[in-house]
PDB file of N, CA and C in Angstrom:
ATOM      1  N   MET A   1       0.837  -1.174   0.000  1.00  0.00           N
ATOM      2  CA  MET A   1       0.000   0.000   0.000  1.00  0.00           C
ATOM      3  C   MET A   1       0.883   1.238   0.000  1.00  0.00           C
ATOM      4  N   SER A   2       0.559   2.205  -0.850  1.00  0.00           N
ATOM      5  CA  SER A   2       1.378   3.407  -0.943  1.00  0.00           C
ATOM      6  C   SER A   2       0.921   4.437   0.076  1.00  0.00           C
ATOM      7  N   GLN A   3       1.856   5.271   0.467  1.00  0.00           N
ATOM      8  CA  GLN A   3       1.565   6.314   1.429  1.00  0.00           C
ATOM      9  C   GLN A   3       1.503   7.653   0.723  1.00  0.00           C
ATOM     10  N   VAL A   4       0.623   8.515   1.186  1.00  0.00           N
ATOM     11  CA  VAL A   4       0.500   9.861   0.659  1.00  0.00           C
ATOM     12  C   VAL A   4       1.067  10.813   1.683  1.00  0.00           C
ATOM     13  N   ILE A   5       2.023  11.641   1.256  1.00  0.00           N
ATOM     14  CA  ILE A   5       2.639  12.608   2.151  1.00  0.00           C
ATOM     15  C   ILE A   5       2.262  13.989   1.645  1.00  0.00           C
ATOM     16  N   LEU A   6       1.661  14.774   2.465  1.00  0.00           N
ATOM     17  CA  LEU A   6       1.255  16.131   2.105  1.00  0.00           C
ATOM     18  C   LEU A   6       2.267  17.117   2.663  1.00  0.00           C
ATOM     19  N   THR A   7       2.732  18.004   1.799  1.00  0.00           N
ATOM     20  CA  THR A   7       3.655  19.051   2.227  1.00  0.00           C
ATOM     21  C   THR A   7       3.206  20.365   1.617  1.00  0.00           C
ATOM     22  N   GLN A   8       3.686  21.428   2.192  1.00  0.00           N
ATOM     23  CA  GLN A   8       3.391  22.733   1.626  1.00  0.00           C
ATOM     24  C   GLN A   8       4.388  23.004   0.512  1.00  0.00           C
ATOM     25  N   LEU A   9       3.863  23.517  -0.589  1.00  0.00           N
ATOM     26  CA  LEU A   9       4.691  23.775  -1.753  1.00  0.00           C
ATOM     27  C   LEU A   9       4.219  25.077  -2.382  1.00  0.00           C
ATOM     28  N   PRO A  10       5.139  25.990  -2.657  1.00  0.00           N
ATOM     29  CA  PRO A  10       4.728  27.242  -3.311  1.00  0.00           C
ATOM     30  C   PRO A  10       4.112  26.945  -4.687  1.00  0.00           C
ATOM     31  N   ILE A  11       3.122  27.728  -5.059  1.00  0.00           N
ATOM     32  CA  ILE A  11       2.402  27.515  -6.307  1.00  0.00           C
ATOM     33  C   ILE A  11       3.325  27.600  -7.517  1.00  0.00           C
ATOM     34  N   GLU A  12       4.355  28.460  -7.465  1.00  0.00           N
ATOM     35  CA  GLU A  12       5.297  28.588  -8.574  1.00  0.00           C
ATOM     36  C   GLU A  12       6.080  27.295  -8.775  1.00  0.00           C
ATOM     37  N   ASP A  13       6.472  26.655  -7.672  1.00  0.00           N
ATOM     38  CA  ASP A  13       7.196  25.390  -7.769  1.00  0.00           C
ATOM     39  C   ASP A  13       6.311  24.306  -8.367  1.00  0.00           C
ATOM     40  N   LEU A  14       5.058  24.265  -7.948  1.00  0.00           N
ATOM     41  CA  LEU A  14       4.117  23.279  -8.470  1.00  0.00           C
ATOM     42  C   LEU A  14       3.896  23.500  -9.970  1.00  0.00           C
ATOM     43  N   GLN A  15       3.728  24.777 -10.366  1.00  0.00           N
ATOM     44  CA  GLN A  15       3.553  25.078 -11.784  1.00  0.00           C
ATOM     45  C   GLN A  15       4.786  24.664 -12.596  1.00  0.00           C
ATOM     46  N   GLY A  16       5.962  24.927 -12.046  1.00  0.00           N
ATOM     47  CA  GLY A  16       7.200  24.538 -12.731  1.00  0.00           C
ATOM     48  C   GLY A  16       7.318  23.035 -12.890  1.00  0.00           C
ATOM     49  N   MET A  17       6.934  22.289 -11.864  1.00  0.00           N
ATOM     50  CA  MET A  17       6.993  20.829 -11.934  1.00  0.00           C
ATOM     51  C   MET A  17       6.013  20.303 -12.985  1.00  0.00           C
ATOM     52  N   ILE A  18       4.807  20.875 -13.017  1.00  0.00           N
ATOM     53  CA  ILE A  18       3.802  20.434 -13.992  1.00  0.00           C
ATOM     54  C   ILE A  18       4.251  20.787 -15.408  1.00  0.00           C
ATOM     55  N   GLU A  19       4.757  22.010 -15.601  1.00  0.00           N
ATOM     56  CA  GLU A  19       5.239  22.422 -16.921  1.00  0.00           C
ATOM     57  C   GLU A  19       6.372  21.521 -17.403  1.00  0.00           C
ATOM     58  N   GLY A  20       7.274  21.186 -16.519  1.00  0.00           N
ATOM     59  CA  GLY A  20       8.385  20.305 -16.881  1.00  0.00           C
ATOM     60  C   GLY A  20       7.904  18.923 -17.296  1.00  0.00           C
ATOM     61  N   ALA A  21       6.948  18.371 -16.549  1.00  0.00           N
ATOM     62  CA  ALA A  21       6.421  17.052 -16.872  1.00  0.00           C
ATOM     63  C   ALA A  21       5.688  17.063 -18.207  1.00  0.00           C
ATOM     64  N   VAL A  22       4.898  18.109 -18.450  1.00  0.00           N
ATOM     65  CA  VAL A  22       4.165  18.212 -19.709  1.00  0.00           C
ATOM     66  C   VAL A  22       5.141  18.383 -20.870  1.00  0.00           C
ATOM     67  N   GLN A  23       6.165  19.195 -20.703  1.00  0.00           N
ATOM     68  CA  GLN A  23       7.157  19.418 -21.760  1.00  0.00           C
ATOM     69  C   GLN A  23       7.897  18.131 -22.100  1.00  0.00           C
ATOM     70  N   ARG A  24       8.301  17.362 -21.089  1.00  0.00           N
ATOM     71  CA  ARG A  24       8.985  16.089 -21.343  1.00  0.00           C
ATOM     72  C   ARG A  24       8.085  15.127 -22.101  1.00  0.00           C
ATOM     73  N   THR A  25       6.820  15.052 -21.718  1.00  0.00           N
ATOM     74  CA  THR A  25       5.875  14.168 -22.385  1.00  0.00           C
ATOM     75  C   THR A  25       5.659  14.594 -23.831  1.00  0.00           C
ATOM     76  N   LEU A  26       5.504  15.896 -24.079  1.00  0.00           N
ATOM     77  CA  LEU A  26       5.327  16.392 -25.446  1.00  0.00           C
ATOM     78  C   LEU A  26       6.556  16.102 -26.305  1.00  0.00           C
ATOM     79  N   ASN A  27       7.739  16.294 -25.757  1.00  0.00           N
ATOM     80  CA  ASN A  27       8.973  16.005 -26.502  1.00  0.00           C
ATOM     81  C   ASN A  27       9.051  14.532 -26.881  1.00  0.00           C
ATOM     82  N   GLN A  28       8.687  13.652 -25.953  1.00  0.00           N
ATOM     83  CA  GLN A  28       8.701  12.221 -26.243  1.00  0.00           C
ATOM     84  C   GLN A  28       7.711  11.883 -27.347  1.00  0.00           C
ATOM     85  N   LEU A  29       6.518  12.461 -27.286  1.00  0.00           N
ATOM     86  CA  LEU A  29       5.507  12.196 -28.314  1.00  0.00           C
ATOM     87  C   LEU A  29       5.938  12.724 -29.675  1.00  0.00           C
ATOM     88  N   LEU A  30       6.527  13.913 -29.705  1.00  0.00           N
ATOM     89  CA  LEU A  30       6.986  14.483 -30.975  1.00  0.00           C
ATOM     90  C   LEU A  30       8.118  13.661 -31.572  1.00  0.00           C
ATOM     91  N   ASN A  31       9.030  13.160 -30.730  1.00  0.00           N
ATOM     92  CA  ASN A  31      10.127  12.329 -31.222  1.00  0.00           C
ATOM     93  C   ASN A  31       9.599  11.030 -31.817  1.00  0.00           C
ATOM     94  N   LYS A  32       8.638  10.416 -31.140  1.00  0.00           N
ATOM     95  CA  LYS A  32       8.054   9.174 -31.650  1.00  0.00           C
ATOM     96  C   LYS A  32       7.323   9.427 -32.960  1.00  0.00           C
ATOM     97  N   GLU A  33       6.603  10.550 -33.049  1.00  0.00           N
ATOM     98  CA  GLU A  33       5.860  10.871 -34.267  1.00  0.00           C
ATOM     99  C   GLU A  33       6.798  11.116 -35.430  1.00  0.00           C
ATOM    100  N   SER A  34       7.888  11.852 -35.197  1.00  0.00           N
ATOM    101  CA  SER A  34       8.819  12.134 -36.289  1.00  0.00           C
ATOM    102  C   SER A  34       9.527  10.860 -36.736  1.00  0.00           C
ATOM    103  N   GLN A  35       9.844   9.966 -35.802  1.00  0.00           N
ATOM    104  CA  GLN A  35      10.469   8.706 -36.172  1.00  0.00           C
ATOM    105  C   GLN A  35       9.512   7.846 -36.975  1.00  0.00           C
ATOM    106  N   SER A  36       8.249   7.788 -36.559  1.00  0.00           N
ATOM    107  CA  SER A  36       7.294   6.975 -37.292  1.00  0.00           C
ATOM    108  C   SER A  36       7.004   7.585 -38.654  1.00  0.00           C
ATOM    109  N   GLN A  37       7.046   8.911 -38.764  1.00  0.00           N
ATOM    110  CA  GLN A  37       6.814   9.556 -40.050  1.00  0.00           C
ATOM    111  C   GLN A  37       7.961   9.257 -41.008  1.00  0.00           C
ATOM    112  N   ASN A  38       9.194   9.205 -40.513  1.00  0.00           N
ATOM    113  CA  ASN A  38      10.340   8.865 -41.348  1.00  0.00           C
ATOM    114  C   ASN A  38      10.290   7.416 -41.803  1.00  0.00           C
ATOM    115  N   GLU A  39       9.672   6.543 -41.018  1.00  0.00           N
ATOM    116  CA  GLU A  39       9.569   5.137 -41.354  1.00  0.00           C
ATOM    117  C   GLU A  39       8.318   4.840 -42.180  1.00  0.00           C
ATOM    118  N   GLU A  40       7.510   5.864 -42.456  1.00  0.00           N
ATOM    119  CA  GLU A  40       6.276   5.675 -43.212  1.00  0.00           C
ATOM    120  C   GLU A  40       6.600   5.203 -44.629  1.00  0.00           C
ATOM    121  N   LEU A  41       5.873   4.190 -45.085  1.00  0.00           N
ATOM    122  CA  LEU A  41       6.064   3.682 -46.434  1.00  0.00           C
ATOM    123  C   LEU A  41       5.162   4.442 -47.395  1.00  0.00           C
ATOM    124  N   VAL A  42       5.738   4.859 -48.516  1.00  0.00           N
ATOM    125  CA  VAL A  42       4.979   5.604 -49.515  1.00  0.00           C
ATOM    126  C   VAL A  42       4.988   4.835 -50.823  1.00  0.00           C
ATOM    127  N   THR A  43       3.989   5.096 -51.661  1.00  0.00           N
ATOM    128  CA  THR A  43       3.876   4.428 -52.959  1.00  0.00           C
ATOM    129  C   THR A  43       4.859   5.037 -53.949  1.00  0.00           C
ATOM    130  N   ARG A  44       4.936   4.413 -55.127  1.00  0.00           N
ATOM    131  CA  ARG A  44       5.817   4.923 -56.178  1.00  0.00           C
ATOM    132  C   ARG A  44       5.404   6.329 -56.589  1.00  0.00           C
ATOM    133  N   GLU A  45       4.099   6.539 -56.742  1.00  0.00           N
ATOM    134  CA  GLU A  45       3.608   7.848 -57.157  1.00  0.00           C
ATOM    135  C   GLU A  45       3.927   8.922 -56.120  1.00  0.00           C
ATOM    136  N   GLN A  46       3.715   8.584 -54.837  1.00  0.00           N
ATOM    137  CA  GLN A  46       4.012   9.539 -53.772  1.00  0.00           C
ATOM    138  C   GLN A  46       5.503   9.849 -53.715  1.00  0.00           C
ATOM    139  N   ALA A  47       6.329   8.821 -53.892  1.00  0.00           N
ATOM    140  CA  ALA A  47       7.782   9.016 -53.864  1.00  0.00           C
ATOM    141  C   ALA A  47       8.231   9.906 -55.015  1.00  0.00           C
ATOM    142  N   ALA A  48       7.686   9.652 -56.212  1.00  0.00           N
ATOM    143  CA  ALA A  48       8.059  10.469 -57.374  1.00  0.00           C
ATOM    144  C   ALA A  48       7.631  11.915 -57.181  1.00  0.00           C
ATOM    145  N   ASN A  49       6.439  12.124 -56.632  1.00  0.00           N
ATOM    146  CA  ASN A  49       5.972  13.493 -56.379  1.00  0.00           C
ATOM    147  C   ASN A  49       6.821  14.181 -55.320  1.00  0.00           C
ATOM    148  N   LEU A  50       7.201  13.451 -54.279  1.00  0.00           N
ATOM    149  CA  LEU A  50       8.017  14.018 -53.208  1.00  0.00           C
ATOM    150  C   LEU A  50       9.374  14.471 -53.742  1.00  0.00           C
ATOM    151  N   LEU A  51       9.947  13.675 -54.635  1.00  0.00           N
ATOM    152  CA  LEU A  51      11.268  13.998 -55.178  1.00  0.00           C
ATOM    153  C   LEU A  51      11.195  14.895 -56.407  1.00  0.00           C
ATOM    154  N   GLY A  52      10.000  15.019 -56.993  1.00  0.00           N
ATOM    155  CA  GLY A  52       9.854  15.846 -58.183  1.00  0.00           C
ATOM    156  C   GLY A  52      10.444  15.200 -59.425  1.00  0.00           C
ATOM    157  N   ILE A  53      10.337  13.871 -59.518  1.00  0.00           N
ATOM    158  CA  ILE A  53      10.860  13.150 -60.671  1.00  0.00           C
ATOM    159  C   ILE A  53       9.744  12.297 -61.265  1.00  0.00           C
ATOM    160  N   SER A  54       9.982  11.747 -62.445  1.00  0.00           N
ATOM    161  CA  SER A  54       8.985  10.905 -63.101  1.00  0.00           C
ATOM    162  C   SER A  54       9.087   9.467 -62.583  1.00  0.00           C
ATOM    163  N   LEU A  55       8.051   8.675 -62.880  1.00  0.00           N
ATOM    164  CA  LEU A  55       8.063   7.270 -62.453  1.00  0.00           C
ATOM    165  C   LEU A  55       9.179   6.470 -63.124  1.00  0.00           C
ATOM    166  N   PRO A  56       9.446   6.665 -64.428  1.00  0.00           N
ATOM    167  CA  PRO A  56      10.582   5.943 -65.019  1.00  0.00           C
ATOM    168  C   PRO A  56      11.928   6.307 -64.378  1.00  0.00           C
ATOM    169  N   THR A  57      12.106   7.567 -64.025  1.00  0.00           N
ATOM    170  CA  THR A  57      13.348   7.981 -63.364  1.00  0.00           C
ATOM    171  C   THR A  57      13.443   7.343 -61.982  1.00  0.00           C
ATOM    172  N   LEU A  58      12.338   7.303 -61.254  1.00  0.00           N
ATOM    173  CA  LEU A  58      12.318   6.657 -59.938  1.00  0.00           C
ATOM    174  C   LEU A  58      12.673   5.183 -60.073  1.00  0.00           C
ATOM    175  N   HIS A  59      12.112   4.520 -61.079  1.00  0.00           N
ATOM    176  CA  HIS A  59      12.433   3.107 -61.320  1.00  0.00           C
ATOM    177  C   HIS A  59      13.924   2.932 -61.616  1.00  0.00           C
ATOM    178  N   HIS A  60      14.469   3.807 -62.435  1.00  0.00           N
ATOM    179  CA  HIS A  60      15.900   3.743 -62.772  1.00  0.00           C
ATOM    180  C   HIS A  60      16.753   3.918 -61.511  1.00  0.00           C
ATOM    181  N   TYR A  61      16.414   4.894 -60.702  1.00  0.00           N
ATOM    182  CA  TYR A  61      17.177   5.144 -59.468  1.00  0.00           C
ATOM    183  C   TYR A  61      17.094   3.966 -58.507  1.00  0.00           C
ATOM    184  N   SER A  62      15.924   3.372 -58.366  1.00  0.00           N
ATOM    185  CA  SER A  62      15.798   2.246 -57.441  1.00  0.00           C
ATOM    186  C   SER A  62      16.487   1.003 -58.004  1.00  0.00           C
ATOM    187  N   LYS A  63      16.444   0.832 -59.313  1.00  0.00           N
ATOM    188  CA  LYS A  63      17.096  -0.310 -59.958  1.00  0.00           C
ATOM    189  C   LYS A  63      18.612  -0.253 -59.796  1.00  0.00           C
ATOM    190  N   HIS A  64      19.183   0.961 -59.830  1.00  0.00           N
ATOM    191  CA  HIS A  64      20.629   1.128 -59.702  1.00  0.00           C
ATOM    192  C   HIS A  64      21.085   1.402 -58.272  1.00  0.00           C
ATOM    193  N   GLY A  65      20.171   1.320 -57.312  1.00  0.00           N
ATOM    194  CA  GLY A  65      20.548   1.438 -55.902  1.00  0.00           C
ATOM    195  C   GLY A  65      20.727   2.855 -55.405  1.00  0.00           C
ATOM    196  N   ILE A  66      20.329   3.835 -56.183  1.00  0.00           N
ATOM    197  CA  ILE A  66      20.446   5.223 -55.735  1.00  0.00           C
ATOM    198  C   ILE A  66      19.417   5.511 -54.650  1.00  0.00           C
ATOM    199  N   ILE A  67      18.222   4.939 -54.839  1.00  0.00           N
ATOM    200  CA  ILE A  67      17.136   5.078 -53.866  1.00  0.00           C
ATOM    201  C   ILE A  67      16.743   3.679 -53.413  1.00  0.00           C
ATOM    202  N   PRO A  68      16.792   3.396 -52.099  1.00  0.00           N
ATOM    203  CA  PRO A  68      16.398   2.059 -51.634  1.00  0.00           C
ATOM    204  C   PRO A  68      14.886   1.861 -51.743  1.00  0.00           C
ATOM    205  N   ALA A  69      14.494   0.695 -52.256  1.00  0.00           N
ATOM    206  CA  ALA A  69      13.084   0.357 -52.412  1.00  0.00           C
ATOM    207  C   ALA A  69      12.804  -0.956 -51.688  1.00  0.00           C
ATOM    208  N   TYR A  70      11.553  -1.155 -51.305  1.00  0.00           N
ATOM    209  CA  TYR A  70      11.136  -2.356 -50.590  1.00  0.00           C
ATOM    210  C   TYR A  70       9.962  -2.978 -51.319  1.00  0.00           C
ATOM    211  N   ARG A  71      10.013  -4.283 -51.494  1.00  0.00           N
ATOM    212  CA  ARG A  71       8.929  -4.982 -52.153  1.00  0.00           C
ATOM    213  C   ARG A  71       8.083  -5.668 -51.083  1.00  0.00           C
ATOM    214  N   ILE A  72       6.788  -5.397 -51.151  1.00  0.00           N
ATOM    215  CA  ILE A  72       5.820  -6.048 -50.267  1.00  0.00           C
ATOM    216  C   ILE A  72       4.860  -6.791 -51.182  1.00  0.00           C
ATOM    217  N   GLY A  73       5.071  -8.093 -51.297  1.00  0.00           N
ATOM    218  CA  GLY A  73       4.297  -8.850 -52.272  1.00  0.00           C
ATOM    219  C   GLY A  73       4.696  -8.389 -53.659  1.00  0.00           C
ATOM    220  N   SER A  74       3.721  -7.919 -54.428  1.00  0.00           N
ATOM    221  CA  SER A  74       4.018  -7.429 -55.771  1.00  0.00           C
ATOM    222  C   SER A  74       4.126  -5.908 -55.813  1.00  0.00           C
ATOM    223  N   ARG A  75       4.028  -5.268 -54.659  1.00  0.00           N
ATOM    224  CA  ARG A  75       4.039  -3.809 -54.608  1.00  0.00           C
ATOM    225  C   ARG A  75       5.406  -3.292 -54.153  1.00  0.00           C
ATOM    226  N   VAL A  76       5.790  -2.150 -54.692  1.00  0.00           N
ATOM    227  CA  VAL A  76       7.065  -1.516 -54.324  1.00  0.00           C
ATOM    228  C   VAL A  76       6.749  -0.300 -53.468  1.00  0.00           C
ATOM    229  N   ARG A  77       7.459  -0.181 -52.340  1.00  0.00           N
ATOM    230  CA  ARG A  77       7.266   0.945 -51.428  1.00  0.00           C
ATOM    231  C   ARG A  77       8.628   1.545 -51.098  1.00  0.00           C
ATOM    232  N   PHE A  78       8.580   2.798 -50.660  1.00  0.00           N
ATOM    233  CA  PHE A  78       9.782   3.533 -50.279  1.00  0.00           C
ATOM    234  C   PHE A  78       9.562   4.129 -48.901  1.00  0.00           C
ATOM    235  N   LYS A  79      10.627   4.204 -48.096  1.00  0.00           N
ATOM    236  CA  LYS A  79      10.538   4.866 -46.797  1.00  0.00           C
ATOM    237  C   LYS A  79      10.747   6.359 -46.998  1.00  0.00           C
ATOM    238  N   ARG A  80       9.845   7.151 -46.420  1.00  0.00           N
ATOM    239  CA  ARG A  80       9.893   8.601 -46.592  1.00  0.00           C
ATOM    240  C   ARG A  80      11.235   9.174 -46.114  1.00  0.00           C
ATOM    241  N   GLY A  81      11.722   8.732 -44.979  1.00  0.00           N
ATOM    242  CA  GLY A  81      12.984   9.241 -44.439  1.00  0.00           C
ATOM    243  C   GLY A  81      14.166   8.949 -45.347  1.00  0.00           C
ATOM    244  N   GLU A  82      14.178   7.758 -45.951  1.00  0.00           N
ATOM    245  CA  GLU A  82      15.271   7.408 -46.851  1.00  0.00           C
ATOM    246  C   GLU A  82      15.201   8.218 -48.144  1.00  0.00           C
ATOM    247  N   LEU A  83      13.985   8.539 -48.591  1.00  0.00           N
ATOM    248  CA  LEU A  83      13.857   9.379 -49.780  1.00  0.00           C
ATOM    249  C   LEU A  83      14.447  10.759 -49.527  1.00  0.00           C
ATOM    250  N   LEU A  84      14.145  11.309 -48.355  1.00  0.00           N
ATOM    251  CA  LEU A  84      14.658  12.641 -48.025  1.00  0.00           C
ATOM    252  C   LEU A  84      16.168  12.609 -47.823  1.00  0.00           C
ATOM    253  N   ASP A  85      16.697  11.482 -47.324  1.00  0.00           N
ATOM    254  CA  ASP A  85      18.144  11.352 -47.149  1.00  0.00           C
ATOM    255  C   ASP A  85      18.870  11.273 -48.493  1.00  0.00           C
ATOM    256  N   CYS A  86      18.174  10.794 -49.529  1.00  0.00           N
ATOM    257  CA  CYS A  86      18.791  10.678 -50.849  1.00  0.00           C
ATOM    258  C   CYS A  86      19.007  12.036 -51.503  1.00  0.00           C
ATOM    259  N   LEU A  87      18.289  13.023 -51.035  1.00  0.00           N
ATOM    260  CA  LEU A  87      18.471  14.361 -51.599  1.00  0.00           C
ATOM    261  C   LEU A  87      19.774  14.939 -51.066  1.00  0.00           C
ATOM    262  N   LYS A  88      20.647  15.298 -51.950  1.00  0.00           N
ATOM    263  CA  LYS A  88      21.937  15.841 -51.540  1.00  0.00           C
ATOM    264  C   LYS A  88      22.122  17.205 -52.165  1.00  0.00           C
ATOM    265  N   LYS A  89      22.763  18.066 -51.437  1.00  0.00           N
ATOM    266  CA  LYS A  89      23.055  19.394 -51.945  1.00  0.00           C
ATOM    267  C   LYS A  89      24.250  19.306 -52.887  1.00  0.00           C
ATOM    268  N   VAL A  90      24.097  19.921 -54.021  1.00  0.00           N
ATOM    269  CA  VAL A  90      25.170  19.931 -55.010  1.00  0.00           C
ATOM    270  C   VAL A  90      25.840  21.290 -54.970  1.00  0.00           C
ATOM    271  N   GLN A  91      27.143  21.282 -54.787  1.00  0.00           N
ATOM    272  CA  GLN A  91      27.888  22.539 -54.785  1.00  0.00           C
ATOM    273  C   GLN A  91      28.515  22.732 -56.158  1.00  0.00           C
ATOM    274  N   THR A  92      28.284  23.866 -56.721  1.00  0.00           N
ATOM    275  CA  THR A  92      28.911  24.191 -57.999  1.00  0.00           C
ATOM    276  C   THR A  92      30.038  25.174 -57.750  1.00  0.00           C
ATOM    277  N   MET A  93      30.894  25.298 -58.700  1.00  0.00           N
ATOM    278  CA  MET A  93      32.021  26.216 -58.561  1.00  0.00           C
ATOM    279  C   MET A  93      31.547  27.659 -58.401  1.00  0.00           C
ATOM    280  N   LYS A  94      30.426  27.983 -59.029  1.00  0.00           N
ATOM    281  CA  LYS A  94      29.933  29.343 -58.988  1.00  0.00           C
ATOM    282  C   LYS A  94      29.562  29.769 -57.563  1.00  0.00           C
ATOM    283  N   TYR A  95      29.023  28.824 -56.783  1.00  0.00           N
ATOM    284  CA  TYR A  95      28.528  29.174 -55.448  1.00  0.00           C
ATOM    285  C   TYR A  95      29.413  28.631 -54.331  1.00  0.00           C
ATOM    286  N   ARG A  96      30.529  28.056 -54.664  1.00  0.00           N
ATOM    287  CA  ARG A  96      31.413  27.493 -53.644  1.00  0.00           C
ATOM    288  C   ARG A  96      32.060  28.640 -52.868  1.00  0.00           C
ATOM    289  N   PRO A  97      32.057  28.569 -51.521  1.00  0.00           N
ATOM    290  CA  PRO A  97      32.692  29.639 -50.738  1.00  0.00           C
ATOM    291  C   PRO A  97      34.185  29.711 -51.014  1.00  0.00           C
ATOM    292  N   GLN A  98      34.693  30.925 -51.040  1.00  0.00           N
ATOM    293  CA  GLN A  98      36.118  31.109 -51.356  1.00  0.00           C
ATOM    294  C   GLN A  98      36.909  31.457 -50.120  1.00  0.00           C
TER     295      GLN A  98
END
């Protein structure tokens, strides 16, 4: 059986404790949501639209290993996070810092 201990606590301290607990919980939920969103599987059409490329180009990239693809039965899916990781910034000589 648990015991309840009552003590006097200033209202500011209580508010700070509650705010801290709520903030930690929200951070945990946001981290889980962002991780699950990165692991979300998207269709070929969604992947092509996300990257701004055509379906034949997407097929070529996945065939040559540029973009990882997953087969589920007869369907091909892509992980949203891996698609975004495939986007790389290209530095040209014109914009390279000197």
